[in-house]
């Protein structure tokens, strides 16, 4: 006797069974449940319910480096982010990446490592700064192929800082300068702001009471050439879809030429 297969509790005609979800509704619910589980587990989602399959990656709180921060601090762990970036780049199922930032900054080397990986990706990548993209969050924001910032968001530019014991010797200050040059070079290579202007904003002593640096709101960040566009979620998603459209059209054209050569 053949085993009976268990069927889903769905119907094709909703008029006959109004209390039972249709097949389309059940698929939407299942998709929503999967997205919810992914957010809880990793803070990111792979959305396959829209026009394209897009991974949304969040950079929030403080970017954690080689030292574990306190449990009271919201953190982004670079050892979690780096494998996800590699997976996005290698996966044929994922069409693009949307990075959403609301970070106070954090570990310089961890932030630069993330930024370098984002800048080296061939997949369409769009970044969106919401709330704040401060300190080492700036290189990550500008690393995307297209960058957006909300009108109400801000970005803080300041020199490199160090916590804990530091020797007051020339070698220590030389190390600070070299690290600052690494950040400045990356930011200016991946945005439209000049090194001179970026250093001028970082060394500003007239704006912050307890520190040196500059706070840029959304429109100022765009005007300075640090971020490409002023916008919000719809603008970022639309730009990402447009980039994916162009990438797919380019790939299709390339495959057509290859097919002609083989004939």
Protein backbone atom coordinates (compact mmCIF):
# COMPACT_ATOMS: atom_id res chain seq x y z
CA UNK A 1 0.00 0.00 0.00
CA UNK A 2 1.51 3.33 -1.02
CA UNK A 3 2.30 5.91 1.68
CA UNK A 4 -0.01 8.88 1.70
CA UNK A 5 1.81 12.20 1.26
CA UNK A 6 0.94 14.93 3.71
CA UNK A 7 -0.47 17.95 1.92
CA UNK A 8 -0.30 21.57 3.06
CA UNK A 9 -3.40 23.03 4.64
CA UNK A 10 -3.98 25.43 1.78
CA UNK A 11 -6.62 25.93 -0.87
CA UNK A 12 -6.63 27.28 -4.39
CA UNK A 13 -10.15 28.78 -4.17
CA UNK A 14 -10.39 31.13 -1.15
CA UNK A 15 -14.16 31.62 -1.67
CA UNK A 16 -14.85 28.01 -0.70
CA UNK A 17 -12.68 28.05 2.44
CA UNK A 18 -12.27 31.66 3.66
CA UNK A 19 -10.52 30.64 6.92
CA UNK A 20 -7.77 28.59 5.23
CA UNK A 21 -4.85 30.49 3.62
CA UNK A 22 -4.35 30.17 -0.12
CA UNK A 23 -1.16 28.66 -1.54
CA UNK A 24 0.20 32.13 -2.35
CA UNK A 25 -0.58 33.39 1.16
CA UNK A 26 1.06 30.33 2.72
CA UNK A 27 4.22 30.91 0.67
CA UNK A 28 4.33 34.54 1.82
CA UNK A 29 3.93 33.48 5.46
CA UNK A 30 6.67 30.89 5.10
CA UNK A 31 8.97 33.49 3.53
CA UNK A 32 8.26 35.96 6.36
CA UNK A 33 9.01 33.29 8.98
CA UNK A 34 12.36 32.47 7.36
CA UNK A 35 13.32 36.16 7.26
CA UNK A 36 12.40 36.56 10.93
CA UNK A 37 14.57 33.58 11.91
CA UNK A 38 17.55 34.97 9.96
CA UNK A 39 17.27 38.38 11.62
CA UNK A 40 17.23 36.80 15.09
CA UNK A 41 20.22 34.54 14.35
CA UNK A 42 22.58 36.85 12.44
CA UNK A 43 21.11 40.35 12.22
CA UNK A 44 20.93 40.03 8.43
CA UNK A 45 18.42 38.67 5.93
CA UNK A 46 18.40 37.27 2.42
CA UNK A 47 15.24 38.62 0.84
CA UNK A 48 14.06 36.44 -2.03
CA UNK A 49 10.47 37.70 -1.96
CA UNK A 50 11.04 40.70 -4.25
CA UNK A 51 12.21 41.26 -7.81
CA UNK A 52 15.71 40.02 -7.00
CA UNK A 53 17.42 38.07 -4.23
CA UNK A 54 19.15 40.64 -2.04
CA UNK A 55 21.07 40.24 1.21
CA UNK A 56 20.56 43.01 3.76
CA UNK A 57 23.50 43.43 6.14
CA UNK A 58 23.36 45.72 9.19
CA UNK A 59 26.33 47.49 10.79
CA UNK A 60 25.02 48.65 14.15
CA UNK A 61 26.28 49.81 17.54
CA UNK A 62 30.03 49.52 18.00
CA UNK A 63 32.23 47.57 15.60
CA UNK A 64 33.94 44.97 17.75
CA UNK A 65 37.58 44.16 17.04
CA UNK A 66 40.10 41.92 18.77
CA UNK A 67 38.62 42.52 22.22
CA UNK A 68 35.13 41.50 23.37
CA UNK A 69 33.06 44.46 24.54
CA UNK A 70 30.68 44.46 27.51
CA UNK A 71 27.30 42.69 27.21
CA UNK A 72 25.56 46.06 27.66
CA UNK A 73 27.07 47.35 24.39
CA UNK A 74 25.37 46.66 21.07
CA UNK A 75 28.08 45.42 18.73
CA UNK A 76 28.80 44.28 15.20
CA UNK A 77 31.31 41.43 15.25
CA UNK A 78 33.67 41.47 12.28
CA UNK A 79 34.13 37.69 12.46
CA UNK A 80 30.40 37.43 11.67
CA UNK A 81 30.40 40.03 8.89
CA UNK A 82 33.45 38.86 6.92
CA UNK A 83 32.14 35.32 6.15
CA UNK A 84 28.80 36.78 5.08
CA UNK A 85 30.54 39.12 2.62
CA UNK A 86 32.52 36.21 1.18
CA UNK A 87 29.34 34.14 0.87
CA UNK A 88 27.50 36.96 -0.94
CA UNK A 89 30.35 37.40 -3.40
CA UNK A 90 30.53 33.67 -4.21
CA UNK A 91 26.81 32.83 -4.22
CA UNK A 92 25.12 32.78 -7.64
CA UNK A 93 21.75 32.88 -5.90
CA UNK A 94 22.33 36.36 -4.42
CA UNK A 95 22.03 39.27 -6.86
CA UNK A 96 23.11 42.19 -4.68
CA UNK A 97 23.95 43.51 -1.21
CA UNK A 98 22.32 46.30 0.80
CA UNK A 99 24.35 47.55 3.78
CA UNK A 100 22.49 49.60 6.40
CA UNK A 101 24.61 51.51 8.91
CA UNK A 102 23.75 52.99 12.27
CA UNK A 103 27.09 52.79 14.08
CA UNK A 104 29.15 54.86 16.50
CA UNK A 105 32.37 53.45 15.04
CA UNK A 106 34.71 51.08 16.83
CA UNK A 107 37.89 49.12 16.12
CA UNK A 108 39.87 50.72 13.29
CA UNK A 109 41.42 47.58 11.82
CA UNK A 110 38.16 45.60 12.01
CA UNK A 111 36.28 48.45 10.30
CA UNK A 112 38.89 48.80 7.58
CA UNK A 113 38.88 45.03 7.01
CA UNK A 114 35.11 45.11 6.41
CA UNK A 115 35.42 48.19 4.20
CA UNK A 116 38.16 46.63 2.05
CA UNK A 117 36.08 43.52 1.45
CA UNK A 118 33.02 45.59 0.48
CA UNK A 119 35.08 47.73 -1.90
CA UNK A 120 36.51 44.62 -3.56
CA UNK A 121 33.18 42.95 -4.30
CA UNK A 122 31.98 42.50 -7.88
CA UNK A 123 28.31 42.16 -6.89
CA UNK A 124 26.15 45.33 -6.86
CA UNK A 125 26.48 46.91 -3.40
CA UNK A 126 24.58 49.89 -1.98
CA UNK A 127 25.04 51.43 1.47
CA UNK A 128 22.51 53.46 3.44
CA UNK A 129 23.42 55.51 6.52
CA UNK A 130 20.55 55.83 9.00
CA UNK A 131 20.90 57.56 12.37
CA UNK A 132 24.69 57.71 12.28
CA UNK A 133 27.71 56.42 10.39
CA UNK A 134 30.41 57.76 12.66
CA UNK A 135 34.17 57.31 12.90
CA UNK A 136 35.31 54.03 11.27
CA UNK A 137 31.77 53.63 9.95
CA UNK A 138 32.68 56.27 7.33
CA UNK A 139 35.01 53.97 5.31
CA UNK A 140 32.37 51.21 5.32
CA UNK A 141 29.70 53.62 4.06
CA UNK A 142 31.83 54.92 1.18
CA UNK A 143 33.10 51.43 0.23
CA UNK A 144 29.83 50.54 -1.54
CA UNK A 145 29.46 51.18 -5.24
CA UNK A 146 26.61 53.59 -4.46
CA UNK A 147 26.07 55.30 -1.10
CA UNK A 148 23.01 56.98 0.42
CA UNK A 149 22.40 58.87 3.64
CA UNK A 150 19.11 59.83 5.24
CA UNK A 151 18.44 63.53 5.67
CA UNK A 152 18.29 63.17 9.47
CA UNK A 153 21.45 61.02 9.71
CA UNK A 154 24.89 62.30 10.74
CA UNK A 155 28.52 61.29 10.25
CA UNK A 156 31.38 62.23 12.60
CA UNK A 157 34.86 62.65 11.16
CA UNK A 158 37.70 62.77 13.68
CA UNK A 159 41.34 61.60 14.03
CA UNK A 160 42.34 58.15 15.28
CA UNK A 161 41.92 57.60 19.02
CA UNK A 162 43.37 54.99 21.37
CA UNK A 163 42.09 53.67 24.69
CA UNK A 164 44.31 52.45 27.54
CA UNK A 165 48.01 52.93 28.20
CA UNK A 166 50.05 54.83 25.61
CA UNK A 167 53.71 55.83 25.70
CA UNK A 168 54.34 59.52 25.04
CA UNK A 169 57.18 58.92 22.59
CA UNK A 170 57.64 60.04 18.95
CA UNK A 171 57.13 56.48 17.69
CA UNK A 172 53.60 56.38 19.13
CA UNK A 173 52.60 59.59 17.36
CA UNK A 174 54.16 58.36 14.12
CA UNK A 175 52.02 55.21 14.41
CA UNK A 176 48.90 57.38 14.83
CA UNK A 177 49.78 59.38 11.73
CA UNK A 178 50.34 56.25 9.65
CA UNK A 179 47.01 54.78 10.76
CA UNK A 180 45.23 58.05 10.00
CA UNK A 181 46.76 58.06 6.52
CA UNK A 182 45.36 54.56 5.92
CA UNK A 183 41.86 55.75 6.77
CA UNK A 184 42.14 59.01 4.82
CA UNK A 185 43.51 57.26 1.74
CA UNK A 186 40.74 54.67 1.71
CA UNK A 187 37.94 57.23 2.21
CA UNK A 188 39.23 59.63 -0.44
CA UNK A 189 39.88 56.80 -2.94
CA UNK A 190 36.27 55.62 -2.60
CA UNK A 191 34.47 58.99 -2.48
CA UNK A 192 34.64 62.45 -4.05
CA UNK A 193 36.17 64.27 -1.06
CA UNK A 194 39.81 65.35 -1.30
CA UNK A 195 42.46 64.30 1.26
CA UNK A 196 43.05 67.92 2.20
CA UNK A 197 39.37 68.58 2.89
CA UNK A 198 38.96 65.32 4.82
CA UNK A 199 41.93 66.14 7.08
CA UNK A 200 40.58 69.66 7.54
CA UNK A 201 37.25 68.29 8.76
CA UNK A 202 38.97 65.73 11.01
CA UNK A 203 41.19 68.35 12.65
CA UNK A 204 38.45 70.95 13.16
CA UNK A 205 38.68 72.44 16.70
CA UNK A 206 35.70 74.81 16.48
CA UNK A 207 32.75 72.38 16.51
CA UNK A 208 33.06 69.70 19.22
CA UNK A 209 33.33 70.76 22.87
CA UNK A 210 35.27 67.77 24.26
CA UNK A 211 36.99 66.61 21.08
CA UNK A 212 38.24 67.65 17.65
CA UNK A 213 36.47 66.80 14.43
CA UNK A 214 33.31 67.60 12.46
CA UNK A 215 29.74 66.32 12.50
CA UNK A 216 28.11 66.27 9.07
CA UNK A 217 24.37 65.85 8.62
CA UNK A 218 22.93 64.12 5.55
CA UNK A 219 22.94 67.06 3.15
CA UNK A 220 26.41 68.22 4.31
CA UNK A 221 27.87 64.73 3.76
CA UNK A 222 26.58 64.75 0.18
CA UNK A 223 27.73 68.32 -0.42
CA UNK A 224 31.24 67.50 0.81
CA UNK A 225 31.38 64.55 -1.61
CA UNK A 226 31.66 62.00 1.20
CA UNK A 227 28.35 60.26 0.37
CA UNK A 228 26.91 59.99 -3.11
CA UNK A 229 23.21 60.63 -2.61
CA UNK A 230 20.63 61.88 -0.13
CA UNK A 231 17.81 59.37 0.25
CA UNK A 232 16.19 56.61 2.25
CA UNK A 233 15.26 52.94 1.89
CA UNK A 234 13.24 53.19 -1.33
CA UNK A 235 16.02 55.17 -3.03
CA UNK A 236 18.68 52.66 -1.95
CA UNK A 237 16.65 49.62 -3.05
CA UNK A 238 15.76 51.25 -6.38
CA UNK A 239 19.43 52.04 -7.03
CA UNK A 240 20.42 48.48 -6.14
CA UNK A 241 17.79 47.01 -8.49
CA UNK A 242 18.99 49.33 -11.26
CA UNK A 243 22.58 48.14 -10.73
CA UNK A 244 21.44 44.49 -10.79
CA UNK A 245 19.48 45.13 -14.03
CA UNK A 246 22.61 46.54 -15.67
CA UNK A 247 24.80 43.71 -14.36
CA UNK A 248 22.39 41.06 -15.69
CA UNK A 249 22.12 42.82 -19.06
CA UNK A 250 25.92 42.96 -19.30
CA UNK A 251 26.20 39.27 -18.41
CA UNK A 252 23.54 38.35 -20.97
CA UNK A 253 25.36 40.31 -23.67
CA UNK A 254 28.62 38.59 -22.74
CA UNK A 255 27.02 35.14 -22.90
CA UNK A 256 25.47 35.94 -26.30
CA UNK A 257 28.88 36.90 -27.72
CA UNK A 258 30.45 33.72 -26.30
CA UNK A 259 27.68 31.61 -27.86
CA UNK A 260 28.26 33.20 -31.27
CA UNK A 261 31.99 32.52 -31.12
CA UNK A 262 31.44 28.83 -30.34
CA UNK A 263 29.19 28.34 -33.39
